[in-house]
Amino acid sequence: MARQPKKSGDTLSYSLRNFDVVALGTSAGGLNALTQVLSALPVNFPSSIVVVQHLAPGHKSWIAKLLGRSTRLRVKQAEHGEILLPGVVYTAPPDEHLLVGPGKIQLAHSQLVHFSRPSIDLLFESVAGTYGSRSIGVVLSGSGKDGAAGVRTVKEAGGITIAQTPETAEFRHMPEAAIETGCIDFILPLTEIGEKLAGLCSG
């Protein structure tokens, strides 16, 4: 049976959320995009958030610390086996795939996907496979096509898919590739994505 924490203070109960996990995927131009999306989320945002930002391997990532300055939510670099908590943002470590299992984070150092590790497609596929219709996949600014196959998987599993309007992206290729799949539910400017997520997950 799933854990059902009580409502206390600004923290919402698991039972009050419409979606368990929101997955955000981005590449070039991603820090600005993630900052805008996360800054718009309320402190009592009820879903877990998992983030893949393409990073250079072999270098320490400061993305969790940087994002934490712009949001009321807790932001941390994901660790293998840790429990997914509501209202927490988990960022992929450099050179590791970020996946989710039932209620937990999974990291994997398997092969590159689209020349990338972490891979947005692998994250989305794991979220869709575990949480199905209670998952949301969001593709933000980036070059290449990572995330396009993943949004198809989320859509086919009954989840919700969102792409940043290419005209508002610093790098439009990744959201364009996602939109071209025909599997995107909402195409939104960057300034509206956070508000949409808040409405979907808490509404």
N, C-alpha and C. Protein backbone atom coordinates (compact mmCIF):
# COMPACT_ATOMS: atom_id res chain seq x y z
N MET A 1 0.85 -1.19 0.00
CA MET A 1 0.00 0.00 0.00
C MET A 1 0.89 1.24 0.00
N ALA A 2 0.51 2.26 -0.79
CA ALA A 2 1.32 3.47 -0.90
C ALA A 2 1.28 4.25 0.41
N ARG A 3 2.42 4.88 0.70
CA ARG A 3 2.50 5.71 1.88
C ARG A 3 1.58 6.91 1.72
N GLN A 4 0.82 7.25 2.74
CA GLN A 4 -0.09 8.38 2.69
C GLN A 4 0.22 9.36 3.82
N PRO A 5 1.18 10.23 3.63
CA PRO A 5 1.50 11.17 4.69
C PRO A 5 0.35 12.13 4.96
N LYS A 6 0.26 12.58 6.17
CA LYS A 6 -0.80 13.51 6.55
C LYS A 6 -0.48 14.90 6.04
N LYS A 7 -1.53 15.69 5.93
CA LYS A 7 -1.34 17.08 5.53
C LYS A 7 -0.82 17.87 6.73
N SER A 8 0.27 18.58 6.54
CA SER A 8 0.81 19.37 7.63
C SER A 8 1.44 20.62 7.07
N GLY A 9 1.05 21.76 7.60
CA GLY A 9 1.63 23.02 7.14
C GLY A 9 1.38 23.24 5.67
N ASP A 10 2.48 23.47 4.92
CA ASP A 10 2.36 23.74 3.49
C ASP A 10 2.53 22.48 2.64
N THR A 11 2.62 21.33 3.29
CA THR A 11 2.86 20.10 2.53
C THR A 11 1.54 19.39 2.25
N LEU A 12 1.31 19.10 0.99
CA LEU A 12 0.08 18.40 0.61
C LEU A 12 0.24 16.90 0.77
N SER A 13 -0.86 16.23 1.06
CA SER A 13 -0.86 14.78 1.14
C SER A 13 -0.69 14.19 -0.25
N TYR A 14 -0.06 13.00 -0.31
CA TYR A 14 0.03 12.29 -1.58
C TYR A 14 -1.35 12.11 -2.20
N SER A 15 -2.36 11.88 -1.37
CA SER A 15 -3.70 11.56 -1.88
C SER A 15 -4.37 12.74 -2.56
N LEU A 16 -3.82 13.95 -2.39
CA LEU A 16 -4.44 15.14 -2.97
C LEU A 16 -3.85 15.52 -4.32
N ARG A 17 -2.89 14.76 -4.81
CA ARG A 17 -2.26 15.14 -6.06
C ARG A 17 -2.82 14.35 -7.23
N ASN A 18 -2.87 15.00 -8.39
CA ASN A 18 -3.40 14.37 -9.60
C ASN A 18 -2.32 13.60 -10.36
N PHE A 19 -1.07 14.00 -10.20
CA PHE A 19 0.05 13.36 -10.90
C PHE A 19 1.16 13.09 -9.89
N ASP A 20 1.79 11.93 -10.02
CA ASP A 20 2.84 11.56 -9.08
C ASP A 20 4.19 12.20 -9.43
N VAL A 21 4.52 12.22 -10.73
CA VAL A 21 5.85 12.68 -11.14
C VAL A 21 5.75 13.60 -12.36
N VAL A 22 6.49 14.69 -12.30
CA VAL A 22 6.67 15.58 -13.45
C VAL A 22 8.13 15.46 -13.88
N ALA A 23 8.35 15.12 -15.15
CA ALA A 23 9.71 14.98 -15.69
C ALA A 23 9.99 16.15 -16.63
N LEU A 24 11.07 16.86 -16.37
CA LEU A 24 11.48 17.99 -17.21
C LEU A 24 12.76 17.64 -17.94
N GLY A 25 12.77 17.84 -19.25
CA GLY A 25 13.95 17.56 -20.06
C GLY A 25 14.40 18.78 -20.82
N THR A 26 15.71 19.07 -20.76
CA THR A 26 16.23 20.25 -21.44
C THR A 26 17.71 20.06 -21.74
N SER A 27 18.20 20.93 -22.62
CA SER A 27 19.62 20.87 -23.00
C SER A 27 20.13 22.30 -23.09
N ALA A 28 20.62 22.71 -24.24
CA ALA A 28 21.12 24.08 -24.39
C ALA A 28 20.02 25.09 -24.07
N GLY A 29 20.37 26.09 -23.28
CA GLY A 29 19.38 27.08 -22.85
C GLY A 29 18.54 26.60 -21.68
N GLY A 30 18.92 25.48 -21.11
CA GLY A 30 18.07 24.84 -20.11
C GLY A 30 18.04 25.52 -18.76
N LEU A 31 19.14 26.11 -18.33
CA LEU A 31 19.17 26.71 -17.00
C LEU A 31 18.14 27.82 -16.89
N ASN A 32 18.08 28.69 -17.89
CA ASN A 32 17.09 29.77 -17.89
C ASN A 32 15.67 29.19 -17.94
N ALA A 33 15.46 28.18 -18.79
CA ALA A 33 14.12 27.60 -18.92
C ALA A 33 13.68 26.95 -17.61
N LEU A 34 14.55 26.17 -17.00
CA LEU A 34 14.20 25.51 -15.74
C LEU A 34 13.95 26.53 -14.64
N THR A 35 14.76 27.58 -14.60
CA THR A 35 14.59 28.62 -13.59
C THR A 35 13.21 29.24 -13.68
N GLN A 36 12.76 29.55 -14.89
CA GLN A 36 11.45 30.18 -15.06
C GLN A 36 10.32 29.23 -14.69
N VAL A 37 10.44 27.98 -15.08
CA VAL A 37 9.37 27.02 -14.78
C VAL A 37 9.28 26.77 -13.27
N LEU A 38 10.40 26.49 -12.64
CA LEU A 38 10.38 26.14 -11.22
C LEU A 38 10.02 27.33 -10.34
N SER A 39 10.40 28.53 -10.74
CA SER A 39 10.10 29.72 -9.93
C SER A 39 8.60 29.99 -9.87
N ALA A 40 7.84 29.45 -10.83
CA ALA A 40 6.39 29.69 -10.86
C ALA A 40 5.60 28.66 -10.04
N LEU A 41 6.28 27.65 -9.50
CA LEU A 41 5.57 26.60 -8.76
C LEU A 41 5.39 26.98 -7.30
N PRO A 42 4.23 26.67 -6.72
CA PRO A 42 3.97 27.02 -5.32
C PRO A 42 4.74 26.14 -4.36
N VAL A 43 4.92 26.61 -3.15
CA VAL A 43 5.68 25.88 -2.14
C VAL A 43 5.02 24.54 -1.80
N ASN A 44 3.72 24.45 -2.00
CA ASN A 44 3.00 23.20 -1.69
C ASN A 44 2.74 22.36 -2.94
N PHE A 45 3.59 22.52 -3.95
CA PHE A 45 3.44 21.71 -5.17
C PHE A 45 3.47 20.24 -4.78
N PRO A 46 2.47 19.45 -5.18
CA PRO A 46 2.30 18.12 -4.59
C PRO A 46 3.05 16.98 -5.26
N SER A 47 3.60 17.19 -6.44
CA SER A 47 4.22 16.10 -7.19
C SER A 47 5.75 16.14 -7.04
N SER A 48 6.38 15.00 -7.26
CA SER A 48 7.83 14.95 -7.36
C SER A 48 8.25 15.45 -8.75
N ILE A 49 9.40 16.08 -8.83
CA ILE A 49 9.90 16.61 -10.10
C ILE A 49 11.28 16.03 -10.36
N VAL A 50 11.46 15.44 -11.54
CA VAL A 50 12.76 14.89 -11.92
C VAL A 50 13.23 15.63 -13.17
N VAL A 51 14.52 16.00 -13.17
CA VAL A 51 15.05 16.89 -14.21
C VAL A 51 16.28 16.27 -14.86
N VAL A 52 16.25 16.20 -16.18
CA VAL A 52 17.46 15.90 -16.95
C VAL A 52 17.85 17.15 -17.73
N GLN A 53 19.01 17.68 -17.39
CA GLN A 53 19.65 18.76 -18.13
C GLN A 53 20.95 18.18 -18.68
N HIS A 54 21.12 18.21 -19.99
CA HIS A 54 22.37 17.70 -20.56
C HIS A 54 23.55 18.45 -19.97
N LEU A 55 24.53 17.70 -19.48
CA LEU A 55 25.69 18.27 -18.81
C LEU A 55 26.97 17.68 -19.39
N ALA A 56 28.04 18.42 -19.26
CA ALA A 56 29.34 17.89 -19.67
C ALA A 56 29.79 16.84 -18.66
N PRO A 57 30.16 15.64 -19.10
CA PRO A 57 30.62 14.62 -18.17
C PRO A 57 31.96 15.00 -17.56
N GLY A 58 32.20 14.48 -16.36
CA GLY A 58 33.50 14.70 -15.76
C GLY A 58 33.64 16.00 -14.98
N HIS A 59 32.59 16.79 -14.92
CA HIS A 59 32.64 18.04 -14.17
C HIS A 59 31.52 18.05 -13.13
N LYS A 60 31.81 18.59 -11.97
CA LYS A 60 30.79 18.70 -10.94
C LYS A 60 29.66 19.59 -11.42
N SER A 61 28.41 19.20 -11.11
CA SER A 61 27.26 19.99 -11.52
C SER A 61 26.82 20.92 -10.40
N TRP A 62 26.59 22.17 -10.76
CA TRP A 62 26.08 23.16 -9.81
C TRP A 62 24.62 23.47 -10.07
N ILE A 63 23.98 22.70 -10.95
CA ILE A 63 22.63 23.07 -11.38
C ILE A 63 21.62 23.03 -10.23
N ALA A 64 21.73 22.05 -9.34
CA ALA A 64 20.78 21.98 -8.23
C ALA A 64 20.89 23.22 -7.35
N LYS A 65 22.11 23.64 -7.06
CA LYS A 65 22.33 24.82 -6.23
C LYS A 65 21.81 26.07 -6.92
N LEU A 66 22.06 26.19 -8.22
CA LEU A 66 21.61 27.37 -8.96
C LEU A 66 20.09 27.42 -9.03
N LEU A 67 19.45 26.30 -9.30
CA LEU A 67 17.99 26.27 -9.38
C LEU A 67 17.36 26.52 -8.01
N GLY A 68 18.02 26.05 -6.97
CA GLY A 68 17.48 26.22 -5.63
C GLY A 68 17.35 27.67 -5.22
N ARG A 69 18.10 28.55 -5.87
CA ARG A 69 18.02 29.97 -5.55
C ARG A 69 16.77 30.63 -6.12
N SER A 70 16.11 29.97 -7.07
CA SER A 70 15.01 30.61 -7.78
C SER A 70 13.65 29.96 -7.53
N THR A 71 13.59 28.98 -6.65
CA THR A 71 12.33 28.30 -6.40
C THR A 71 12.13 28.09 -4.91
N ARG A 72 10.87 28.01 -4.51
CA ARG A 72 10.54 27.74 -3.11
C ARG A 72 10.60 26.26 -2.79
N LEU A 73 10.79 25.44 -3.81
CA LEU A 73 10.87 23.99 -3.61
C LEU A 73 12.29 23.58 -3.26
N ARG A 74 12.44 22.44 -2.62
CA ARG A 74 13.76 21.89 -2.34
C ARG A 74 14.32 21.31 -3.63
N VAL A 75 15.56 21.63 -3.95
CA VAL A 75 16.23 21.10 -5.15
C VAL A 75 17.49 20.37 -4.72
N LYS A 76 17.68 19.15 -5.22
CA LYS A 76 18.87 18.39 -4.86
C LYS A 76 19.31 17.51 -6.03
N GLN A 77 20.58 17.17 -6.05
CA GLN A 77 21.07 16.21 -7.04
C GLN A 77 20.61 14.82 -6.63
N ALA A 78 20.07 14.08 -7.58
CA ALA A 78 19.50 12.77 -7.29
C ALA A 78 20.56 11.77 -6.84
N GLU A 79 20.16 10.90 -5.93
CA GLU A 79 21.02 9.83 -5.45
C GLU A 79 20.32 8.50 -5.67
N HIS A 80 21.09 7.49 -6.02
CA HIS A 80 20.51 6.18 -6.32
C HIS A 80 19.79 5.61 -5.11
N GLY A 81 18.55 5.17 -5.33
CA GLY A 81 17.79 4.49 -4.29
C GLY A 81 17.01 5.39 -3.35
N GLU A 82 17.16 6.72 -3.49
CA GLU A 82 16.44 7.57 -2.55
C GLU A 82 14.95 7.64 -2.90
N ILE A 83 14.14 7.92 -1.89
CA ILE A 83 12.69 7.94 -2.05
C ILE A 83 12.26 9.24 -2.72
N LEU A 84 11.33 9.13 -3.67
CA LEU A 84 10.75 10.30 -4.32
C LEU A 84 9.76 10.96 -3.37
N LEU A 85 9.97 12.21 -3.07
CA LEU A 85 9.09 12.93 -2.16
C LEU A 85 8.33 14.03 -2.90
N PRO A 86 7.13 14.37 -2.46
CA PRO A 86 6.38 15.44 -3.11
C PRO A 86 7.05 16.78 -2.90
N GLY A 87 6.98 17.63 -3.92
CA GLY A 87 7.52 18.97 -3.80
C GLY A 87 9.02 19.06 -3.77
N VAL A 88 9.71 18.00 -4.18
CA VAL A 88 11.16 18.00 -4.24
C VAL A 88 11.60 17.86 -5.70
N VAL A 89 12.62 18.63 -6.10
CA VAL A 89 13.16 18.60 -7.45
C VAL A 89 14.46 17.82 -7.43
N TYR A 90 14.54 16.76 -8.24
CA TYR A 90 15.74 15.92 -8.31
C TYR A 90 16.41 16.13 -9.65
N THR A 91 17.67 16.53 -9.66
CA THR A 91 18.40 16.75 -10.90
C THR A 91 19.35 15.60 -11.18
N ALA A 92 19.52 15.27 -12.43
CA ALA A 92 20.40 14.17 -12.81
C ALA A 92 21.86 14.54 -12.57
N PRO A 93 22.66 13.63 -12.00
CA PRO A 93 24.09 13.89 -11.87
C PRO A 93 24.77 13.84 -13.23
N PRO A 94 25.94 14.43 -13.37
CA PRO A 94 26.67 14.33 -14.64
C PRO A 94 27.00 12.88 -14.97
N ASP A 95 26.86 12.53 -16.24
CA ASP A 95 27.29 11.23 -16.77
C ASP A 95 26.55 10.04 -16.16
N GLU A 96 25.33 10.27 -15.67
CA GLU A 96 24.49 9.19 -15.15
C GLU A 96 23.08 9.36 -15.70
N HIS A 97 22.46 8.25 -16.14
CA HIS A 97 21.06 8.30 -16.52
C HIS A 97 20.20 8.38 -15.26
N LEU A 98 19.22 9.27 -15.27
CA LEU A 98 18.27 9.40 -14.17
C LEU A 98 16.99 8.68 -14.56
N LEU A 99 16.62 7.68 -13.77
CA LEU A 99 15.41 6.90 -14.00
C LEU A 99 14.59 6.88 -12.72
N VAL A 100 13.34 6.45 -12.82
CA VAL A 100 12.53 6.28 -11.62
C VAL A 100 11.95 4.86 -11.61
N GLY A 101 11.87 4.32 -10.40
CA GLY A 101 11.14 3.09 -10.16
C GLY A 101 9.97 3.42 -9.27
N PRO A 102 9.25 2.44 -8.78
CA PRO A 102 8.12 2.71 -7.88
C PRO A 102 8.56 3.44 -6.61
N GLY A 103 8.34 4.74 -6.57
CA GLY A 103 8.63 5.52 -5.38
C GLY A 103 10.09 5.84 -5.16
N LYS A 104 10.97 5.48 -6.08
CA LYS A 104 12.40 5.66 -5.84
C LYS A 104 13.14 6.16 -7.08
N ILE A 105 14.28 6.78 -6.81
CA ILE A 105 15.21 7.21 -7.86
C ILE A 105 16.12 6.04 -8.23
N GLN A 106 16.43 5.93 -9.51
CA GLN A 106 17.41 4.95 -9.96
C GLN A 106 18.42 5.66 -10.88
N LEU A 107 19.69 5.45 -10.63
CA LEU A 107 20.73 5.98 -11.51
C LEU A 107 21.39 4.83 -12.25
N ALA A 108 21.76 5.06 -13.50
CA ALA A 108 22.37 4.00 -14.30
C ALA A 108 23.46 4.58 -15.18
N HIS A 109 24.59 3.87 -15.25
CA HIS A 109 25.69 4.31 -16.11
C HIS A 109 25.73 3.45 -17.37
N SER A 110 24.57 3.27 -17.98
CA SER A 110 24.48 2.47 -19.20
C SER A 110 24.88 3.32 -20.40
N GLN A 111 24.73 2.78 -21.61
CA GLN A 111 25.28 3.42 -22.81
C GLN A 111 24.63 4.77 -23.10
N LEU A 112 25.33 5.60 -23.85
CA LEU A 112 24.81 6.89 -24.27
C LEU A 112 23.57 6.71 -25.14
N VAL A 113 22.63 7.62 -25.03
CA VAL A 113 21.44 7.64 -25.88
C VAL A 113 21.40 9.00 -26.56
N HIS A 114 21.37 9.02 -27.89
CA HIS A 114 21.48 10.28 -28.65
C HIS A 114 22.73 11.06 -28.22
N PHE A 115 23.80 10.32 -28.00
CA PHE A 115 25.09 10.91 -27.60
C PHE A 115 25.04 11.55 -26.22
N SER A 116 24.03 11.20 -25.43
CA SER A 116 23.85 11.86 -24.14
C SER A 116 23.72 10.86 -22.99
N ARG A 117 24.30 11.25 -21.87
CA ARG A 117 24.08 10.56 -20.61
C ARG A 117 24.21 11.63 -19.53
N PRO A 118 23.12 12.10 -18.93
CA PRO A 118 21.78 11.50 -18.89
C PRO A 118 20.97 11.72 -20.17
N SER A 119 19.98 10.85 -20.35
CA SER A 119 19.10 10.89 -21.51
C SER A 119 17.68 11.29 -21.08
N ILE A 120 17.11 12.25 -21.79
CA ILE A 120 15.72 12.64 -21.53
C ILE A 120 14.77 11.52 -21.93
N ASP A 121 15.03 10.88 -23.07
CA ASP A 121 14.18 9.77 -23.50
C ASP A 121 14.10 8.67 -22.45
N LEU A 122 15.25 8.28 -21.90
CA LEU A 122 15.24 7.21 -20.89
C LEU A 122 14.48 7.64 -19.64
N LEU A 123 14.64 8.90 -19.23
CA LEU A 123 13.88 9.38 -18.07
C LEU A 123 12.39 9.30 -18.34
N PHE A 124 11.96 9.84 -19.48
CA PHE A 124 10.53 9.84 -19.80
C PHE A 124 9.98 8.43 -19.89
N GLU A 125 10.74 7.54 -20.50
CA GLU A 125 10.27 6.16 -20.64
C GLU A 125 10.12 5.48 -19.28
N SER A 126 11.03 5.75 -18.36
CA SER A 126 10.93 5.14 -17.03
C SER A 126 9.76 5.73 -16.25
N VAL A 127 9.54 7.04 -16.39
CA VAL A 127 8.41 7.68 -15.72
C VAL A 127 7.09 7.14 -16.26
N ALA A 128 7.00 7.02 -17.59
CA ALA A 128 5.77 6.50 -18.20
C ALA A 128 5.54 5.05 -17.80
N GLY A 129 6.60 4.25 -17.80
CA GLY A 129 6.46 2.84 -17.48
C GLY A 129 6.07 2.60 -16.04
N THR A 130 6.48 3.48 -15.14
CA THR A 130 6.20 3.30 -13.72
C THR A 130 4.90 3.97 -13.31
N TYR A 131 4.65 5.18 -13.82
CA TYR A 131 3.52 5.98 -13.33
C TYR A 131 2.40 6.19 -14.33
N GLY A 132 2.61 5.82 -15.60
CA GLY A 132 1.53 5.83 -16.59
C GLY A 132 0.77 7.13 -16.66
N SER A 133 -0.54 7.07 -16.44
CA SER A 133 -1.41 8.23 -16.58
C SER A 133 -1.21 9.25 -15.47
N ARG A 134 -0.39 8.93 -14.49
CA ARG A 134 -0.11 9.88 -13.40
C ARG A 134 1.26 10.53 -13.57
N SER A 135 1.69 10.64 -14.84
CA SER A 135 2.98 11.25 -15.15
C SER A 135 2.82 12.39 -16.14
N ILE A 136 3.75 13.34 -16.08
CA ILE A 136 3.80 14.47 -17.02
C ILE A 136 5.22 14.58 -17.55
N GLY A 137 5.35 14.73 -18.87
CA GLY A 137 6.65 14.94 -19.49
C GLY A 137 6.69 16.31 -20.14
N VAL A 138 7.75 17.07 -19.87
CA VAL A 138 7.88 18.43 -20.39
C VAL A 138 9.21 18.58 -21.12
N VAL A 139 9.16 19.04 -22.37
CA VAL A 139 10.37 19.27 -23.16
C VAL A 139 10.60 20.77 -23.29
N LEU A 140 11.77 21.20 -22.85
CA LEU A 140 12.14 22.62 -22.87
C LEU A 140 13.26 22.85 -23.89
N SER A 141 13.83 24.03 -23.86
CA SER A 141 14.87 24.45 -24.80
C SER A 141 15.99 23.41 -24.94
N GLY A 142 16.46 23.23 -26.17
CA GLY A 142 17.57 22.32 -26.38
C GLY A 142 17.81 22.06 -27.85
N SER A 143 19.01 21.60 -28.17
CA SER A 143 19.34 21.21 -29.53
C SER A 143 19.23 19.69 -29.64
N GLY A 144 18.99 19.20 -30.85
CA GLY A 144 18.85 17.76 -31.03
C GLY A 144 17.41 17.30 -30.88
N LYS A 145 17.25 15.96 -30.70
CA LYS A 145 15.91 15.37 -30.66
C LYS A 145 15.64 14.58 -29.39
N ASP A 146 16.53 14.67 -28.40
CA ASP A 146 16.30 13.93 -27.17
C ASP A 146 14.98 14.39 -26.54
N GLY A 147 14.17 13.44 -26.11
CA GLY A 147 12.87 13.75 -25.53
C GLY A 147 11.71 13.46 -26.45
N ALA A 148 11.94 13.44 -27.77
CA ALA A 148 10.85 13.21 -28.72
C ALA A 148 10.27 11.81 -28.59
N ALA A 149 11.14 10.80 -28.55
CA ALA A 149 10.65 9.43 -28.36
C ALA A 149 10.01 9.28 -26.98
N GLY A 150 10.57 9.99 -26.00
CA GLY A 150 10.06 9.89 -24.65
C GLY A 150 8.66 10.44 -24.49
N VAL A 151 8.35 11.56 -25.14
CA VAL A 151 7.00 12.12 -25.01
C VAL A 151 5.97 11.20 -25.64
N ARG A 152 6.37 10.49 -26.70
CA ARG A 152 5.46 9.52 -27.29
C ARG A 152 5.12 8.42 -26.29
N THR A 153 6.13 7.97 -25.55
CA THR A 153 5.91 6.93 -24.54
C THR A 153 5.00 7.43 -23.42
N VAL A 154 5.23 8.67 -22.97
CA VAL A 154 4.37 9.23 -21.92
C VAL A 154 2.94 9.34 -22.41
N LYS A 155 2.75 9.83 -23.63
CA LYS A 155 1.41 9.98 -24.20
C LYS A 155 0.72 8.62 -24.34
N GLU A 156 1.43 7.63 -24.83
CA GLU A 156 0.84 6.30 -25.02
C GLU A 156 0.49 5.64 -23.68
N ALA A 157 1.18 6.05 -22.61
CA ALA A 157 0.89 5.50 -21.28
C ALA A 157 -0.26 6.24 -20.61
N GLY A 158 -0.81 7.26 -21.26
CA GLY A 158 -1.93 8.00 -20.71
C GLY A 158 -1.55 9.24 -19.94
N GLY A 159 -0.24 9.60 -19.95
CA GLY A 159 0.21 10.80 -19.25
C GLY A 159 0.00 12.05 -20.08
N ILE A 160 0.41 13.18 -19.50
CA ILE A 160 0.28 14.49 -20.14
C ILE A 160 1.64 14.93 -20.66
N THR A 161 1.65 15.55 -21.84
CA THR A 161 2.90 16.02 -22.43
C THR A 161 2.81 17.51 -22.73
N ILE A 162 3.93 18.18 -22.49
CA ILE A 162 4.01 19.63 -22.71
C ILE A 162 5.32 19.94 -23.43
N ALA A 163 5.26 20.86 -24.38
CA ALA A 163 6.47 21.35 -25.05
C ALA A 163 6.50 22.86 -24.99
N GLN A 164 7.69 23.39 -24.79
CA GLN A 164 7.87 24.84 -24.84
C GLN A 164 7.64 25.33 -26.26
N THR A 165 6.92 26.43 -26.42
CA THR A 165 6.75 27.03 -27.73
C THR A 165 8.13 27.32 -28.32
N PRO A 166 8.45 26.76 -29.49
CA PRO A 166 9.81 26.93 -30.03
C PRO A 166 10.25 28.39 -30.13
N GLU A 167 9.32 29.28 -30.42
CA GLU A 167 9.67 30.69 -30.57
C GLU A 167 10.17 31.31 -29.25
N THR A 168 9.82 30.69 -28.12
CA THR A 168 10.26 31.23 -26.83
C THR A 168 11.48 30.49 -26.29
N ALA A 169 12.00 29.53 -27.04
CA ALA A 169 13.14 28.74 -26.59
C ALA A 169 14.45 29.33 -27.12
N GLU A 170 15.48 29.33 -26.28
CA GLU A 170 16.79 29.78 -26.74
C GLU A 170 17.30 28.87 -27.85
N PHE A 171 17.00 27.57 -27.73
CA PHE A 171 17.32 26.58 -28.77
C PHE A 171 16.04 25.79 -29.06
N ARG A 172 15.53 25.93 -30.25
CA ARG A 172 14.19 25.46 -30.56
C ARG A 172 14.11 24.03 -31.06
N HIS A 173 15.26 23.40 -31.38
CA HIS A 173 15.21 22.11 -32.06
C HIS A 173 14.56 21.00 -31.23
N MET A 174 14.83 20.96 -29.94
CA MET A 174 14.30 19.89 -29.11
C MET A 174 12.79 20.00 -28.93
N PRO A 175 12.25 21.17 -28.57
CA PRO A 175 10.79 21.26 -28.51
C PRO A 175 10.13 21.05 -29.87
N GLU A 176 10.77 21.49 -30.94
CA GLU A 176 10.21 21.26 -32.28
C GLU A 176 10.11 19.76 -32.58
N ALA A 177 11.16 19.01 -32.25
CA ALA A 177 11.15 17.57 -32.50
C ALA A 177 10.05 16.89 -31.69
N ALA A 178 9.84 17.34 -30.46
CA ALA A 178 8.76 16.77 -29.64
C ALA A 178 7.40 17.08 -30.24
N ILE A 179 7.21 18.31 -30.70
CA ILE A 179 5.93 18.71 -31.29
C ILE A 179 5.65 17.93 -32.57
N GLU A 180 6.68 17.67 -33.35
CA GLU A 180 6.51 16.95 -34.62
C GLU A 180 6.04 15.51 -34.44
N THR A 181 6.15 14.96 -33.22
CA THR A 181 5.64 13.61 -32.98
C THR A 181 4.12 13.56 -33.00
N GLY A 182 3.47 14.71 -32.84
CA GLY A 182 2.01 14.73 -32.74
C GLY A 182 1.49 14.24 -31.39
N CYS A 183 2.39 14.13 -30.42
CA CYS A 183 2.02 13.57 -29.10
C CYS A 183 2.06 14.61 -27.99
N ILE A 184 2.03 15.89 -28.33
CA ILE A 184 2.09 16.93 -27.32
C ILE A 184 0.69 17.46 -27.02
N ASP A 185 0.34 17.49 -25.74
CA ASP A 185 -0.98 17.99 -25.34
C ASP A 185 -1.02 19.51 -25.26
N PHE A 186 0.05 20.13 -24.76
CA PHE A 186 0.07 21.57 -24.57
C PHE A 186 1.38 22.14 -25.12
N ILE A 187 1.29 23.11 -26.02
CA ILE A 187 2.45 23.85 -26.51
C ILE A 187 2.35 25.24 -25.91
N LEU A 188 3.26 25.56 -25.00
CA LEU A 188 3.11 26.78 -24.20
C LEU A 188 4.38 27.61 -24.19
N PRO A 189 4.23 28.92 -24.12
CA PRO A 189 5.42 29.77 -23.93
C PRO A 189 6.02 29.48 -22.56
N LEU A 190 7.29 29.74 -22.42
CA LEU A 190 8.00 29.42 -21.19
C LEU A 190 7.33 30.02 -19.97
N THR A 191 6.79 31.23 -20.11
CA THR A 191 6.19 31.93 -18.96
C THR A 191 4.91 31.28 -18.46
N GLU A 192 4.32 30.34 -19.23
CA GLU A 192 3.05 29.74 -18.83
C GLU A 192 3.17 28.29 -18.37
N ILE A 193 4.34 27.69 -18.52
CA ILE A 193 4.48 26.26 -18.23
C ILE A 193 4.35 25.98 -16.74
N GLY A 194 4.99 26.78 -15.90
CA GLY A 194 4.90 26.56 -14.47
C GLY A 194 3.48 26.66 -13.96
N GLU A 195 2.76 27.66 -14.42
CA GLU A 195 1.36 27.85 -14.02
C GLU A 195 0.51 26.66 -14.48
N LYS A 196 0.76 26.15 -15.68
CA LYS A 196 0.01 24.99 -16.18
C LYS A 196 0.29 23.77 -15.32
N LEU A 197 1.56 23.54 -14.96
CA LEU A 197 1.90 22.41 -14.11
C LEU A 197 1.22 22.50 -12.75
N ALA A 198 1.20 23.71 -12.17
CA ALA A 198 0.55 23.89 -10.88
C ALA A 198 -0.93 23.57 -10.99
N GLY A 199 -1.57 24.02 -12.07
CA GLY A 199 -2.98 23.75 -12.24
C GLY A 199 -3.29 22.28 -12.47
N LEU A 200 -2.46 21.61 -13.28
CA LEU A 200 -2.70 20.20 -13.55
C LEU A 200 -2.50 19.34 -12.30
N CYS A 201 -1.44 19.61 -11.56
CA CYS A 201 -1.08 18.73 -10.44
C CYS A 201 -1.89 19.00 -9.19
N SER A 202 -2.34 20.22 -9.00
CA SER A 202 -3.05 20.56 -7.77
C SER A 202 -4.53 20.87 -8.00
N GLY A 203 -4.92 21.04 -9.25
CA GLY A 203 -6.27 21.52 -9.54
C GLY A 203 -7.35 20.52 -9.19
